[in-house]
């Protein structure tokens, strides 16, 4: 008896579209099922991300910047830090690893979730710290510990990591701005606006600061949230004056418009008491009528 051969059915374009529509409907139902439980927090998170978009994008850029600066650290100390540099390079491969369900296709690590990647990255960075303390690689590992914690919403852990990084660097360190930006974001995330403002003030006063316009935009938002419209306006106006080509200029102008016009005579102390009469004025002529 001949064996029946099963022919694999290839779905048509219509069938594929129907399957995609079904998946979308199922996803919508699943989202609706948990909406009541997480709606308040979800809206709060979206608003938080939108308000801090410029600085968060700047911090994402710091990862690239820090990678370049890492090369400076390793070249300068390469003669005695070969092992440390290799260890940090491996840890950074984990930090930047792809999130996918597909199995690894080469030497590059992959992870199925951001949480799993963050856990392993933290372990590898702490290993660099423990085995190569006192090296440039260990210092950069501390900075990346802050990045990893911040990416997971751990503002307390991120703040501590950035503080430890800043404690290890000098005032002239080329990566100090990265620690200050990260610390400001972490402090704001855990509700310490005044602390965040202090760190951003320090950042924008550093020489040759990267992403200073983003820091100024964030300063404007924080000052406005604190009710200090004068300081908010000053920070936002600096973007147009100091960074006329900045992509954030339009956003700064929008926020300035929302603040309204500056008070007339702002910055000039009000006079004490009612205005005095000008004693030089000529008195009126006496009436001709007796």
Protein backbone atom coordinates (compact mmCIF):
# COMPACT_ATOMS: atom_id res chain seq x y z
CA UNK A 1 0.00 0.00 0.00
CA UNK A 2 1.44 3.30 -0.99
CA UNK A 3 2.22 5.71 1.82
CA UNK A 4 0.15 8.86 1.75
CA UNK A 5 2.29 11.94 1.38
CA UNK A 6 1.23 15.00 3.35
CA UNK A 7 1.54 18.21 1.40
CA UNK A 8 2.43 21.23 3.49
CA UNK A 9 -0.16 23.95 3.11
CA UNK A 10 1.28 27.35 2.32
CA UNK A 11 -1.07 30.05 3.64
CA UNK A 12 -2.34 32.55 1.13
CA UNK A 13 -1.96 36.30 1.54
CA UNK A 14 -5.58 36.51 2.71
CA UNK A 15 -5.01 33.78 5.31
CA UNK A 16 -1.87 35.50 6.57
CA UNK A 17 -3.74 38.80 6.89
CA UNK A 18 -6.55 37.06 8.77
CA UNK A 19 -4.05 35.45 11.13
CA UNK A 20 -2.38 38.79 11.81
CA UNK A 21 -5.77 40.38 12.47
CA UNK A 22 -6.61 37.58 14.89
CA UNK A 23 -3.35 38.05 16.76
CA UNK A 24 -3.94 41.79 16.96
CA UNK A 25 -7.45 41.20 18.32
CA UNK A 26 -6.14 38.78 20.95
CA UNK A 27 -3.46 41.26 21.98
CA UNK A 28 -6.06 44.00 22.31
CA UNK A 29 -8.25 41.79 24.48
CA UNK A 30 -5.30 40.89 26.68
CA UNK A 31 -4.39 44.54 27.07
CA UNK A 32 -7.98 45.42 27.92
CA UNK A 33 -8.01 42.72 30.58
CA UNK A 34 -5.16 44.29 32.53
CA UNK A 35 -5.92 47.92 31.76
CA UNK A 36 -7.92 48.60 34.93
CA UNK A 37 -5.12 47.31 37.13
CA UNK A 38 -2.28 49.19 35.51
CA UNK A 39 -3.97 52.15 33.84
CA UNK A 40 -2.97 54.80 36.39
CA UNK A 41 0.64 53.68 36.53
CA UNK A 42 0.78 53.27 32.77
CA UNK A 43 -0.40 56.79 32.07
CA UNK A 44 1.97 58.08 34.72
CA UNK A 45 4.90 56.27 33.09
CA UNK A 46 4.03 57.51 29.60
CA UNK A 47 3.82 61.08 30.86
CA UNK A 48 7.13 60.70 32.71
CA UNK A 49 8.85 59.41 29.58
CA UNK A 50 7.40 62.14 27.37
CA UNK A 51 8.48 64.90 29.73
CA UNK A 52 12.00 63.56 30.02
CA UNK A 53 12.42 62.40 26.44
CA UNK A 54 15.24 64.78 25.58
CA UNK A 55 17.43 63.87 28.53
CA UNK A 56 16.67 60.16 28.26
CA UNK A 57 17.63 60.22 24.57
CA UNK A 58 20.77 62.06 25.60
CA UNK A 59 21.56 59.31 28.09
CA UNK A 60 21.07 56.68 25.41
CA UNK A 61 23.59 58.64 23.37
CA UNK A 62 25.93 58.53 26.33
CA UNK A 63 26.24 54.78 25.91
CA UNK A 64 27.83 55.37 22.52
CA UNK A 65 29.89 58.28 23.84
CA UNK A 66 31.06 56.26 26.80
CA UNK A 67 32.02 53.45 24.48
CA UNK A 68 34.28 55.86 22.62
CA UNK A 69 35.66 57.24 25.85
CA UNK A 70 36.26 53.69 27.00
CA UNK A 71 38.74 53.45 24.16
CA UNK A 72 40.56 56.48 25.56
CA UNK A 73 40.75 54.89 29.00
CA UNK A 74 42.02 51.59 27.65
CA UNK A 75 44.61 53.13 25.34
CA UNK A 76 46.02 55.30 28.10
CA UNK A 77 46.25 52.41 30.56
CA UNK A 78 46.61 49.56 28.09
CA UNK A 79 50.06 48.50 29.26
CA UNK A 80 48.77 47.46 32.68
CA UNK A 81 45.06 46.97 32.05
CA UNK A 82 44.91 44.45 29.23
CA UNK A 83 42.92 41.93 31.27
CA UNK A 84 40.65 44.64 32.69
CA UNK A 85 39.92 46.02 29.24
CA UNK A 86 39.06 42.58 27.91
CA UNK A 87 36.77 41.94 30.88
CA UNK A 88 34.96 45.24 30.37
CA UNK A 89 34.60 44.63 26.63
CA UNK A 90 32.90 41.33 27.41
CA UNK A 91 30.58 42.98 29.92
CA UNK A 92 29.64 45.67 27.39
CA UNK A 93 28.78 42.96 24.88
CA UNK A 94 26.16 41.83 27.38
CA UNK A 95 24.93 45.39 28.05
CA UNK A 96 24.34 45.91 24.33
CA UNK A 97 23.15 42.37 23.53
CA UNK A 98 20.10 41.84 21.33
CA UNK A 99 16.75 40.84 22.86
CA UNK A 100 15.39 37.96 20.77
CA UNK A 101 13.85 34.51 21.02
CA UNK A 102 16.15 33.23 18.30
CA UNK A 103 19.17 31.19 19.42
CA UNK A 104 22.61 32.89 19.23
CA UNK A 105 24.09 32.66 15.76
CA UNK A 106 27.66 33.46 16.72
CA UNK A 107 29.82 34.64 19.58
CA UNK A 108 27.55 37.59 20.38
CA UNK A 109 25.28 36.96 23.40
CA UNK A 110 21.50 37.28 23.10
CA UNK A 111 18.73 37.32 25.70
CA UNK A 112 15.02 36.63 25.73
CA UNK A 113 14.15 39.59 27.93
CA UNK A 114 15.56 42.93 29.03
CA UNK A 115 15.35 41.77 32.64
CA UNK A 116 17.51 38.73 31.95
CA UNK A 117 20.04 40.84 30.07
CA UNK A 118 20.19 43.44 32.86
CA UNK A 119 20.76 40.75 35.49
CA UNK A 120 23.69 39.20 33.61
CA UNK A 121 25.09 42.63 32.67
CA UNK A 122 25.08 43.70 36.31
CA UNK A 123 26.89 40.52 37.31
CA UNK A 124 29.55 40.97 34.63
CA UNK A 125 30.09 44.66 35.43
CA UNK A 126 30.40 43.93 39.15
CA UNK A 127 32.91 41.22 38.28
CA UNK A 128 35.02 43.81 36.45
CA UNK A 129 34.81 46.02 39.53
CA UNK A 130 35.81 43.22 41.87
CA UNK A 131 38.69 41.83 39.85
CA UNK A 132 40.14 45.04 38.37
CA UNK A 133 39.57 47.77 40.94
CA UNK A 134 41.51 50.97 40.46
CA UNK A 135 41.60 50.72 36.66
CA UNK A 136 39.88 52.85 34.05
CA UNK A 137 37.86 49.79 33.05
CA UNK A 138 36.53 49.44 36.60
CA UNK A 139 35.54 53.12 36.66
CA UNK A 140 33.60 52.76 33.42
CA UNK A 141 31.99 49.58 34.70
CA UNK A 142 30.62 51.66 37.58
CA UNK A 143 29.12 54.16 35.14
CA UNK A 144 27.45 51.36 33.19
CA UNK A 145 26.04 49.90 36.40
CA UNK A 146 24.15 53.18 36.69
CA UNK A 147 22.95 52.91 33.08
CA UNK A 148 21.73 49.34 33.60
CA UNK A 149 19.87 50.21 36.81
CA UNK A 150 18.27 53.25 35.18
CA UNK A 151 17.13 51.21 32.19
CA UNK A 152 15.26 48.93 34.60
CA UNK A 153 13.58 51.78 36.47
CA UNK A 154 15.69 51.22 39.59
CA UNK A 155 16.16 54.89 40.44
CA UNK A 156 17.54 54.26 43.92
CA UNK A 157 20.14 51.78 42.64
CA UNK A 158 21.00 54.01 39.68
CA UNK A 159 21.47 57.06 41.91
CA UNK A 160 23.87 55.13 44.15
CA UNK A 161 25.81 53.77 41.18
CA UNK A 162 26.23 57.22 39.62
CA UNK A 163 27.24 58.73 42.97
CA UNK A 164 29.91 56.05 43.34
CA UNK A 165 31.14 56.78 39.82
CA UNK A 166 31.38 60.52 40.50
CA UNK A 167 33.22 59.84 43.75
CA UNK A 168 35.90 58.00 41.76
CA UNK A 169 36.38 60.67 39.10
CA UNK A 170 38.05 64.05 39.25
CA UNK A 171 36.32 67.34 38.48
CA UNK A 172 38.09 67.40 35.09
CA UNK A 173 37.24 63.82 34.09
CA UNK A 174 35.86 63.80 30.51
CA UNK A 175 33.01 61.48 31.53
CA UNK A 176 31.89 63.38 34.61
CA UNK A 177 29.00 64.88 32.66
CA UNK A 178 27.65 61.37 32.02
CA UNK A 179 27.54 60.62 35.72
CA UNK A 180 25.85 63.94 36.49
CA UNK A 181 23.22 63.48 33.78
CA UNK A 182 22.46 59.97 34.95
CA UNK A 183 22.31 61.00 38.59
CA UNK A 184 19.96 63.89 37.81
CA UNK A 185 17.60 61.54 35.97
CA UNK A 186 17.70 58.99 38.78
CA UNK A 187 17.07 61.62 41.48
CA UNK A 188 14.13 63.05 39.55
CA UNK A 189 12.78 59.53 39.05
CA UNK A 190 12.66 58.98 42.80
CA UNK A 191 11.05 62.36 43.45
CA UNK A 192 14.04 64.51 44.43
CA UNK A 193 13.58 67.44 42.01
CA UNK A 194 15.80 69.81 43.98
CA UNK A 195 18.63 67.28 43.94
CA UNK A 196 18.17 66.76 40.20
CA UNK A 197 18.31 70.52 39.62
CA UNK A 198 21.54 70.79 41.60
CA UNK A 199 23.22 68.09 39.50
CA UNK A 200 22.04 69.59 36.20
CA UNK A 201 23.28 73.00 37.31
CA UNK A 202 26.68 71.42 37.91
CA UNK A 203 26.52 69.69 34.52
CA UNK A 204 25.73 72.79 32.45
CA UNK A 205 28.61 74.64 34.09
CA UNK A 206 31.18 72.05 33.03
CA UNK A 207 33.44 73.04 30.11
CA UNK A 208 32.63 71.42 26.75
CA UNK A 209 29.56 69.58 28.02
CA UNK A 210 27.91 67.08 25.68
CA UNK A 211 24.10 67.35 25.44
CA UNK A 212 24.08 70.61 27.40
CA UNK A 213 20.99 71.74 25.48
CA UNK A 214 19.10 68.65 26.66
CA UNK A 215 20.18 69.35 30.22
CA UNK A 216 18.96 72.95 29.93
CA UNK A 217 15.60 71.79 28.60
CA UNK A 218 15.28 69.43 31.55
CA UNK A 219 16.32 72.20 33.93
CA UNK A 220 13.53 74.37 32.55
CA UNK A 221 10.98 71.61 33.17
CA UNK A 222 12.21 70.95 36.71
CA UNK A 223 12.28 74.63 37.68
CA UNK A 224 8.77 75.07 36.29
CA UNK A 225 7.58 72.06 38.29
CA UNK A 226 9.10 73.68 41.39
CA UNK A 227 7.18 76.88 40.67
CA UNK A 228 10.28 78.91 39.76
CA UNK A 229 9.24 80.45 36.44
CA UNK A 230 12.16 82.88 36.41
CA UNK A 231 14.77 80.12 36.62
CA UNK A 232 12.82 78.01 34.12
CA UNK A 233 12.75 80.87 31.62
CA UNK A 234 16.47 81.55 32.08
CA UNK A 235 17.38 77.91 31.37
CA UNK A 236 15.13 77.67 28.30
CA UNK A 237 16.31 80.98 26.85
CA UNK A 238 19.91 79.76 27.03
CA UNK A 239 19.11 77.06 24.48
CA UNK A 240 18.21 79.62 21.83
CA UNK A 241 21.14 81.87 22.71
CA UNK A 242 23.91 79.30 23.19
CA UNK A 243 22.66 76.55 20.85
CA UNK A 244 20.83 78.23 17.93
CA UNK A 245 21.16 75.09 15.78
CA UNK A 246 19.88 72.71 18.46
CA UNK A 247 17.09 70.31 17.50
CA UNK A 248 15.59 71.08 20.92
CA UNK A 249 15.21 74.80 20.21
CA UNK A 250 11.59 74.47 19.06
CA UNK A 251 10.67 72.56 22.19
CA UNK A 252 12.32 75.21 24.32
CA UNK A 253 10.32 77.89 22.50
CA UNK A 254 7.10 75.97 23.10
CA UNK A 255 7.81 75.77 26.81
CA UNK A 256 8.70 79.44 26.93
CA UNK A 257 5.38 80.25 25.28
CA UNK A 258 3.61 78.12 27.88
CA UNK A 259 5.33 80.10 30.63
CA UNK A 260 3.92 83.32 29.17
CA UNK A 261 5.67 86.65 28.80
CA UNK A 262 8.28 87.62 31.35
CA UNK A 263 6.95 90.01 34.01
CA UNK A 264 7.57 93.66 33.18
CA UNK A 265 10.61 94.87 35.06
CA UNK A 266 11.51 91.34 36.15
CA UNK A 267 14.63 91.43 38.25
CA UNK A 268 14.18 95.09 39.25
CA UNK A 269 13.27 95.60 42.92
CA UNK A 270 9.95 97.30 43.54
CA UNK A 271 10.19 100.81 45.07
CA UNK A 272 9.32 101.26 48.75
CA UNK A 273 6.10 103.16 49.34
CA UNK A 274 4.14 105.32 46.90
CA UNK A 275 5.98 107.26 44.18
CA UNK A 276 7.28 110.64 45.24
CA UNK A 277 6.19 113.86 43.55
CA UNK A 278 8.72 115.62 41.38
CA UNK A 279 9.64 118.72 43.40
CA UNK A 280 10.95 120.40 40.24
CA UNK A 281 7.49 120.63 38.71
CA UNK A 282 6.26 124.24 38.19
CA UNK A 283 3.25 124.97 40.42
CA UNK A 284 0.04 125.95 38.62
CA UNK A 285 -0.56 129.64 38.01
CA UNK A 286 -2.99 131.32 40.46
CA UNK A 287 -6.53 131.73 39.25
CA UNK A 288 -7.48 135.14 37.89
CA UNK A 289 -10.77 134.98 39.72
CA UNK A 290 -10.58 136.73 43.12
